[in-house]
């Protein structure tokens, strides 16, 4: 009896492992992959939205901006994005250039509308 048990146990173990491995490749995963391939793009909710920029004062006579979506503040940016410190832009015009870039990104549904250091250089605000 002991010899039969020693022979049967490894066989049962192998069968169990094969069964468990086979269940990991279930058709449900294939369904999820198929569903992911059928992503439907939604219409841009910001395309025709009322978005405006307001220049705000910041530390040490610098400038930041607020971005309003309809009548609510969507973004409050008192400092230069992507840079350390709390200083804003040197001029109100520089702050407006960046605010307009952010509005453009929002209108293109780039959310969040991050601003890179490279973009700040291209706008000649740093």
N, C-alpha and C. Protein backbone atom coordinates (compact mmCIF):
# COMPACT_ATOMS: atom_id res chain seq x y z
N UNK A 1 0.82 -1.20 0.00
CA UNK A 1 0.00 0.00 0.00
C UNK A 1 0.87 1.26 0.00
N UNK A 2 1.98 1.23 0.76
CA UNK A 2 2.85 2.38 0.82
C UNK A 2 3.45 2.67 -0.55
N UNK A 3 3.81 1.66 -1.31
CA UNK A 3 4.38 1.84 -2.64
C UNK A 3 3.38 2.49 -3.58
N UNK A 4 2.12 2.08 -3.48
CA UNK A 4 1.09 2.67 -4.34
C UNK A 4 0.89 4.15 -3.99
N UNK A 5 0.92 4.47 -2.70
CA UNK A 5 0.75 5.84 -2.26
C UNK A 5 1.91 6.70 -2.75
N UNK A 6 3.13 6.14 -2.69
CA UNK A 6 4.29 6.88 -3.16
C UNK A 6 4.22 7.12 -4.66
N UNK A 7 3.61 6.25 -5.38
CA UNK A 7 3.49 6.40 -6.83
C UNK A 7 2.33 7.32 -7.19
N UNK A 8 1.24 7.20 -6.49
CA UNK A 8 0.03 7.97 -6.81
C UNK A 8 0.18 9.45 -6.40
N UNK A 9 0.80 9.73 -5.26
CA UNK A 9 0.92 11.11 -4.79
C UNK A 9 1.64 12.01 -5.79
N UNK A 10 2.79 11.63 -6.34
CA UNK A 10 3.42 12.51 -7.34
C UNK A 10 2.57 12.70 -8.59
N UNK A 11 1.87 11.65 -9.00
CA UNK A 11 1.01 11.77 -10.19
C UNK A 11 -0.14 12.74 -9.91
N UNK A 12 -0.75 12.64 -8.74
CA UNK A 12 -1.84 13.54 -8.38
C UNK A 12 -1.31 14.98 -8.28
N UNK A 13 -0.13 15.13 -7.72
CA UNK A 13 0.47 16.47 -7.61
C UNK A 13 0.71 17.08 -8.98
N UNK A 14 1.24 16.29 -9.90
CA UNK A 14 1.50 16.78 -11.26
C UNK A 14 0.20 17.15 -11.95
N UNK A 15 -0.79 16.34 -11.81
CA UNK A 15 -2.09 16.62 -12.43
C UNK A 15 -2.69 17.90 -11.83
N UNK A 16 -2.56 18.06 -10.51
CA UNK A 16 -3.09 19.25 -9.86
C UNK A 16 -2.38 20.51 -10.36
N UNK A 17 -1.06 20.42 -10.48
CA UNK A 17 -0.29 21.57 -10.96
C UNK A 17 -0.68 21.92 -12.39
N UNK A 18 -0.83 20.91 -13.22
CA UNK A 18 -1.25 21.15 -14.61
C UNK A 18 -2.63 21.79 -14.67
N UNK A 19 -3.52 21.32 -13.81
CA UNK A 19 -4.87 21.87 -13.78
C UNK A 19 -4.84 23.33 -13.35
N UNK A 20 -4.05 23.62 -12.30
CA UNK A 20 -3.96 25.01 -11.82
C UNK A 20 -3.33 25.92 -12.87
N UNK A 21 -2.30 25.45 -13.54
CA UNK A 21 -1.66 26.27 -14.58
C UNK A 21 -2.61 26.50 -15.75
N UNK A 22 -3.38 25.49 -16.08
CA UNK A 22 -4.34 25.63 -17.17
C UNK A 22 -5.44 26.60 -16.84
N UNK A 23 -5.81 26.69 -15.56
CA UNK A 23 -6.88 27.61 -15.18
C UNK A 23 -6.40 29.06 -15.21
N UNK A 24 -5.09 29.28 -15.16
CA UNK A 24 -4.56 30.66 -15.25
C UNK A 24 -4.75 31.24 -16.64
N UNK A 25 -4.87 30.42 -17.62
CA UNK A 25 -5.07 30.88 -19.00
C UNK A 25 -6.54 30.78 -19.37
N UNK A 26 -7.37 31.29 -18.51
CA UNK A 26 -8.81 31.17 -18.73
C UNK A 26 -9.27 32.10 -19.85
N UNK A 27 -10.41 31.79 -20.47
CA UNK A 27 -10.94 32.64 -21.53
C UNK A 27 -11.31 34.04 -21.03
N UNK A 28 -11.49 34.22 -19.73
CA UNK A 28 -11.85 35.55 -19.21
C UNK A 28 -10.76 36.57 -19.53
N UNK A 29 -9.50 36.15 -19.48
CA UNK A 29 -8.43 37.08 -19.81
C UNK A 29 -8.50 37.47 -21.28
N UNK A 30 -8.82 36.53 -22.13
CA UNK A 30 -8.94 36.84 -23.55
C UNK A 30 -10.07 37.83 -23.78
N UNK A 31 -11.14 37.69 -23.02
CA UNK A 31 -12.26 38.62 -23.14
C UNK A 31 -11.82 40.03 -22.72
N UNK A 32 -11.06 40.11 -21.62
CA UNK A 32 -10.59 41.42 -21.16
C UNK A 32 -9.71 42.09 -22.21
N UNK A 33 -8.85 41.30 -22.86
CA UNK A 33 -8.00 41.85 -23.90
C UNK A 33 -8.84 42.35 -25.06
N UNK A 34 -9.84 41.58 -25.44
CA UNK A 34 -10.71 41.99 -26.53
C UNK A 34 -11.47 43.26 -26.17
N UNK A 35 -11.93 43.36 -24.93
CA UNK A 35 -12.65 44.55 -24.50
C UNK A 35 -11.73 45.77 -24.51
N UNK A 36 -10.49 45.59 -24.10
CA UNK A 36 -9.54 46.70 -24.08
C UNK A 36 -9.27 47.21 -25.49
N UNK A 37 -9.30 46.32 -26.47
CA UNK A 37 -9.05 46.71 -27.84
C UNK A 37 -10.20 47.53 -28.41
N UNK A 38 -11.36 47.46 -27.78
CA UNK A 38 -12.53 48.17 -28.28
C UNK A 38 -12.77 49.47 -27.51
N UNK A 39 -11.70 50.20 -27.21
CA UNK A 39 -11.83 51.47 -26.50
C UNK A 39 -12.53 52.48 -27.40
N UNK A 40 -13.54 53.08 -26.87
CA UNK A 40 -14.30 54.07 -27.63
C UNK A 40 -13.89 55.45 -27.13
N UNK A 41 -13.42 56.29 -28.04
CA UNK A 41 -13.03 57.64 -27.65
C UNK A 41 -14.27 58.47 -27.36
N UNK A 42 -14.20 59.18 -26.24
CA UNK A 42 -15.30 60.04 -25.87
C UNK A 42 -15.06 61.44 -26.45
N UNK A 43 -16.13 62.14 -26.63
CA UNK A 43 -16.02 63.51 -27.13
C UNK A 43 -15.32 64.37 -26.08
N UNK A 44 -14.51 65.29 -26.52
CA UNK A 44 -13.77 66.18 -25.64
C UNK A 44 -14.75 67.10 -24.91
N UNK A 45 -14.85 67.00 -23.59
CA UNK A 45 -15.80 67.84 -22.86
C UNK A 45 -15.37 69.29 -22.75
N UNK A 46 -14.12 69.60 -23.09
CA UNK A 46 -13.60 70.96 -22.94
C UNK A 46 -13.51 71.72 -24.25
N UNK A 47 -13.85 71.08 -25.34
CA UNK A 47 -13.70 71.67 -26.67
C UNK A 47 -14.37 73.04 -26.78
N UNK A 48 -15.59 73.15 -26.34
CA UNK A 48 -16.34 74.40 -26.45
C UNK A 48 -16.64 75.03 -25.09
N UNK A 49 -15.94 74.57 -24.06
CA UNK A 49 -16.19 75.09 -22.71
C UNK A 49 -15.73 76.53 -22.58
N UNK A 50 -16.31 77.22 -21.62
CA UNK A 50 -15.91 78.59 -21.33
C UNK A 50 -14.70 78.52 -20.39
N UNK A 51 -13.53 78.81 -20.94
CA UNK A 51 -12.28 78.75 -20.17
C UNK A 51 -11.60 80.11 -20.29
N UNK A 52 -11.15 80.64 -19.15
CA UNK A 52 -10.46 81.92 -19.20
C UNK A 52 -9.33 81.93 -18.18
N UNK A 53 -8.36 82.81 -18.43
CA UNK A 53 -7.21 82.98 -17.55
C UNK A 53 -7.29 84.34 -16.87
N UNK A 54 -6.92 84.37 -15.61
CA UNK A 54 -6.85 85.61 -14.86
C UNK A 54 -5.46 85.67 -14.23
N UNK A 55 -4.75 86.76 -14.49
CA UNK A 55 -3.42 86.94 -13.93
C UNK A 55 -3.56 87.36 -12.47
N UNK A 56 -2.76 86.73 -11.60
CA UNK A 56 -2.83 87.01 -10.16
C UNK A 56 -1.45 87.44 -9.65
N UNK A 57 -1.42 88.25 -8.60
CA UNK A 57 -0.14 88.62 -8.02
C UNK A 57 0.44 87.44 -7.23
N UNK A 58 1.78 87.40 -7.19
CA UNK A 58 2.46 86.35 -6.45
C UNK A 58 3.58 86.97 -5.63
N UNK A 59 4.42 86.12 -5.04
CA UNK A 59 5.49 86.60 -4.15
C UNK A 59 6.48 87.52 -4.85
N UNK A 60 7.00 88.47 -4.11
CA UNK A 60 8.06 89.38 -4.57
C UNK A 60 7.74 90.04 -5.90
N UNK A 61 6.54 90.56 -6.03
CA UNK A 61 6.12 91.30 -7.24
C UNK A 61 6.22 90.46 -8.52
N UNK A 62 5.91 89.18 -8.40
CA UNK A 62 5.84 88.31 -9.59
C UNK A 62 4.38 87.99 -9.86
N UNK A 63 4.14 87.19 -10.90
CA UNK A 63 2.77 86.93 -11.34
C UNK A 63 2.52 85.44 -11.56
N UNK A 64 1.31 85.05 -11.26
CA UNK A 64 0.84 83.71 -11.54
C UNK A 64 -0.46 83.81 -12.31
N UNK A 65 -1.21 82.71 -12.35
CA UNK A 65 -2.49 82.74 -13.06
C UNK A 65 -3.48 81.76 -12.45
N UNK A 66 -4.73 82.07 -12.65
CA UNK A 66 -5.83 81.15 -12.34
C UNK A 66 -6.50 80.82 -13.66
N UNK A 67 -6.86 79.58 -13.83
CA UNK A 67 -7.63 79.14 -15.00
C UNK A 67 -9.03 78.81 -14.50
N UNK A 68 -10.01 79.45 -15.11
CA UNK A 68 -11.41 79.23 -14.75
C UNK A 68 -12.08 78.37 -15.81
N UNK A 69 -12.82 77.39 -15.36
CA UNK A 69 -13.69 76.60 -16.22
C UNK A 69 -15.10 77.02 -15.86
N UNK A 70 -15.74 77.72 -16.77
CA UNK A 70 -16.99 78.41 -16.51
C UNK A 70 -16.72 79.40 -15.37
N UNK A 71 -17.33 79.26 -14.22
CA UNK A 71 -17.11 80.22 -13.14
C UNK A 71 -16.32 79.64 -11.97
N UNK A 72 -15.75 78.47 -12.14
CA UNK A 72 -15.02 77.81 -11.05
C UNK A 72 -13.52 77.77 -11.36
N UNK A 73 -12.72 77.98 -10.33
CA UNK A 73 -11.27 77.90 -10.51
C UNK A 73 -10.90 76.43 -10.74
N UNK A 74 -10.32 76.18 -11.89
CA UNK A 74 -9.86 74.84 -12.23
C UNK A 74 -8.40 74.67 -11.84
N UNK A 75 -7.59 75.71 -12.07
CA UNK A 75 -6.16 75.68 -11.76
C UNK A 75 -5.77 76.98 -11.08
N UNK A 76 -5.10 76.86 -9.95
CA UNK A 76 -4.55 78.03 -9.25
C UNK A 76 -3.03 77.86 -9.30
N UNK A 77 -2.34 78.70 -10.07
CA UNK A 77 -0.90 78.55 -10.29
C UNK A 77 -0.18 79.85 -9.93
N UNK A 78 0.15 80.04 -8.65
CA UNK A 78 0.83 81.26 -8.25
C UNK A 78 2.34 81.26 -8.55
N UNK A 79 2.91 80.08 -8.81
CA UNK A 79 4.35 79.98 -9.08
C UNK A 79 4.59 79.40 -10.47
N UNK A 80 5.84 79.46 -10.89
CA UNK A 80 6.19 78.92 -12.22
C UNK A 80 6.11 77.40 -12.17
N UNK A 81 5.32 76.79 -13.03
CA UNK A 81 5.17 75.33 -12.98
C UNK A 81 6.46 74.62 -13.36
N UNK A 82 6.74 73.53 -12.65
CA UNK A 82 7.91 72.72 -12.96
C UNK A 82 9.21 73.23 -12.39
N UNK A 83 9.18 74.38 -11.73
CA UNK A 83 10.39 74.96 -11.17
C UNK A 83 10.27 75.03 -9.65
N UNK A 84 11.39 74.92 -8.97
CA UNK A 84 11.34 74.99 -7.51
C UNK A 84 11.12 76.43 -7.06
N UNK A 85 10.65 76.56 -5.86
CA UNK A 85 10.43 77.88 -5.29
C UNK A 85 8.99 78.35 -5.46
N UNK A 86 8.74 79.51 -4.88
CA UNK A 86 7.38 80.05 -4.89
C UNK A 86 7.22 81.27 -5.78
N UNK A 87 8.29 81.66 -6.47
CA UNK A 87 8.19 82.85 -7.31
C UNK A 87 7.35 82.57 -8.54
N UNK A 88 6.63 83.59 -8.94
CA UNK A 88 5.86 83.52 -10.17
C UNK A 88 6.69 84.02 -11.34
N UNK A 89 6.02 84.45 -12.37
CA UNK A 89 6.68 84.95 -13.57
C UNK A 89 7.06 86.41 -13.39
N UNK A 90 8.10 86.84 -14.11
CA UNK A 90 8.61 88.21 -13.97
C UNK A 90 7.59 89.24 -14.43
N UNK A 91 6.82 88.91 -15.46
CA UNK A 91 5.83 89.86 -15.98
C UNK A 91 4.46 89.20 -16.10
N UNK A 92 3.44 90.03 -16.13
CA UNK A 92 2.08 89.53 -16.33
C UNK A 92 1.96 88.91 -17.72
N UNK A 93 2.70 89.44 -18.68
CA UNK A 93 2.66 88.91 -20.05
C UNK A 93 3.21 87.49 -20.10
N UNK A 94 4.30 87.24 -19.35
CA UNK A 94 4.85 85.88 -19.30
C UNK A 94 3.85 84.91 -18.68
N UNK A 95 3.21 85.34 -17.61
CA UNK A 95 2.21 84.49 -16.97
C UNK A 95 1.06 84.18 -17.93
N UNK A 96 0.67 85.18 -18.71
CA UNK A 96 -0.43 84.99 -19.67
C UNK A 96 -0.03 84.03 -20.79
N UNK A 97 1.22 84.08 -21.24
CA UNK A 97 1.67 83.14 -22.28
C UNK A 97 1.51 81.69 -21.81
N UNK A 98 1.91 81.45 -20.57
CA UNK A 98 1.81 80.09 -20.04
C UNK A 98 0.35 79.71 -19.80
N UNK A 99 -0.43 80.65 -19.29
CA UNK A 99 -1.86 80.38 -19.07
C UNK A 99 -2.55 80.03 -20.38
N UNK A 100 -2.19 80.72 -21.45
CA UNK A 100 -2.79 80.42 -22.76
C UNK A 100 -2.38 79.03 -23.25
N UNK A 101 -1.14 78.63 -22.96
CA UNK A 101 -0.70 77.28 -23.31
C UNK A 101 -1.52 76.24 -22.54
N UNK A 102 -1.75 76.50 -21.27
CA UNK A 102 -2.54 75.59 -20.44
C UNK A 102 -3.96 75.50 -20.97
N UNK A 103 -4.55 76.62 -21.34
CA UNK A 103 -5.90 76.61 -21.89
C UNK A 103 -5.94 75.80 -23.19
N UNK A 104 -4.93 75.96 -24.01
CA UNK A 104 -4.85 75.19 -25.26
C UNK A 104 -4.81 73.69 -24.96
N UNK A 105 -4.03 73.30 -23.95
CA UNK A 105 -3.95 71.89 -23.58
C UNK A 105 -5.29 71.38 -23.06
N UNK A 106 -5.97 72.20 -22.26
CA UNK A 106 -7.29 71.80 -21.76
C UNK A 106 -8.26 71.62 -22.91
N UNK A 107 -8.25 72.54 -23.85
CA UNK A 107 -9.15 72.44 -25.01
C UNK A 107 -8.86 71.20 -25.84
N UNK A 108 -7.60 70.73 -25.81
CA UNK A 108 -7.23 69.50 -26.51
C UNK A 108 -7.38 68.27 -25.63
N UNK A 109 -8.02 68.43 -24.46
CA UNK A 109 -8.29 67.36 -23.52
C UNK A 109 -7.01 66.71 -23.00
N UNK A 110 -5.95 67.50 -22.87
CA UNK A 110 -4.71 67.01 -22.26
C UNK A 110 -4.83 67.26 -20.76
N UNK A 111 -5.27 66.25 -20.06
CA UNK A 111 -5.51 66.41 -18.63
C UNK A 111 -4.65 65.42 -17.85
N UNK A 112 -3.91 65.86 -16.88
CA UNK A 112 -3.74 67.24 -16.47
C UNK A 112 -2.88 68.00 -17.48
N UNK A 113 -3.10 69.28 -17.60
CA UNK A 113 -2.36 70.08 -18.60
C UNK A 113 -0.98 70.50 -18.09
N UNK A 114 -0.08 69.55 -17.95
CA UNK A 114 1.24 69.85 -17.39
C UNK A 114 2.06 70.70 -18.36
N UNK A 115 2.91 71.53 -17.79
CA UNK A 115 3.80 72.40 -18.55
C UNK A 115 5.22 71.97 -18.25
N UNK A 116 5.99 71.70 -19.29
CA UNK A 116 7.37 71.26 -19.10
C UNK A 116 8.32 72.45 -19.09
N UNK A 117 9.50 72.21 -18.58
CA UNK A 117 10.54 73.25 -18.59
C UNK A 117 10.88 73.62 -20.03
N UNK A 118 10.89 72.62 -20.91
CA UNK A 118 11.17 72.88 -22.32
C UNK A 118 10.13 73.84 -22.93
N UNK A 119 8.87 73.65 -22.56
CA UNK A 119 7.82 74.54 -23.07
C UNK A 119 8.00 75.95 -22.51
N UNK A 120 8.41 76.06 -21.26
CA UNK A 120 8.66 77.39 -20.68
C UNK A 120 9.79 78.08 -21.42
N UNK A 121 10.82 77.33 -21.79
CA UNK A 121 11.94 77.89 -22.57
C UNK A 121 11.48 78.32 -23.95
N UNK A 122 10.64 77.48 -24.59
CA UNK A 122 10.14 77.82 -25.92
C UNK A 122 9.28 79.08 -25.90
N UNK A 123 8.56 79.28 -24.81
CA UNK A 123 7.75 80.51 -24.65
C UNK A 123 8.60 81.70 -24.22
N UNK A 124 9.87 81.44 -23.94
CA UNK A 124 10.82 82.46 -23.51
C UNK A 124 10.36 83.16 -22.22
N UNK A 125 9.87 82.36 -21.28
CA UNK A 125 9.45 82.92 -19.99
C UNK A 125 10.43 82.55 -18.88
N UNK A 126 11.41 81.70 -19.19
CA UNK A 126 12.49 81.42 -18.22
C UNK A 126 13.82 81.49 -18.96
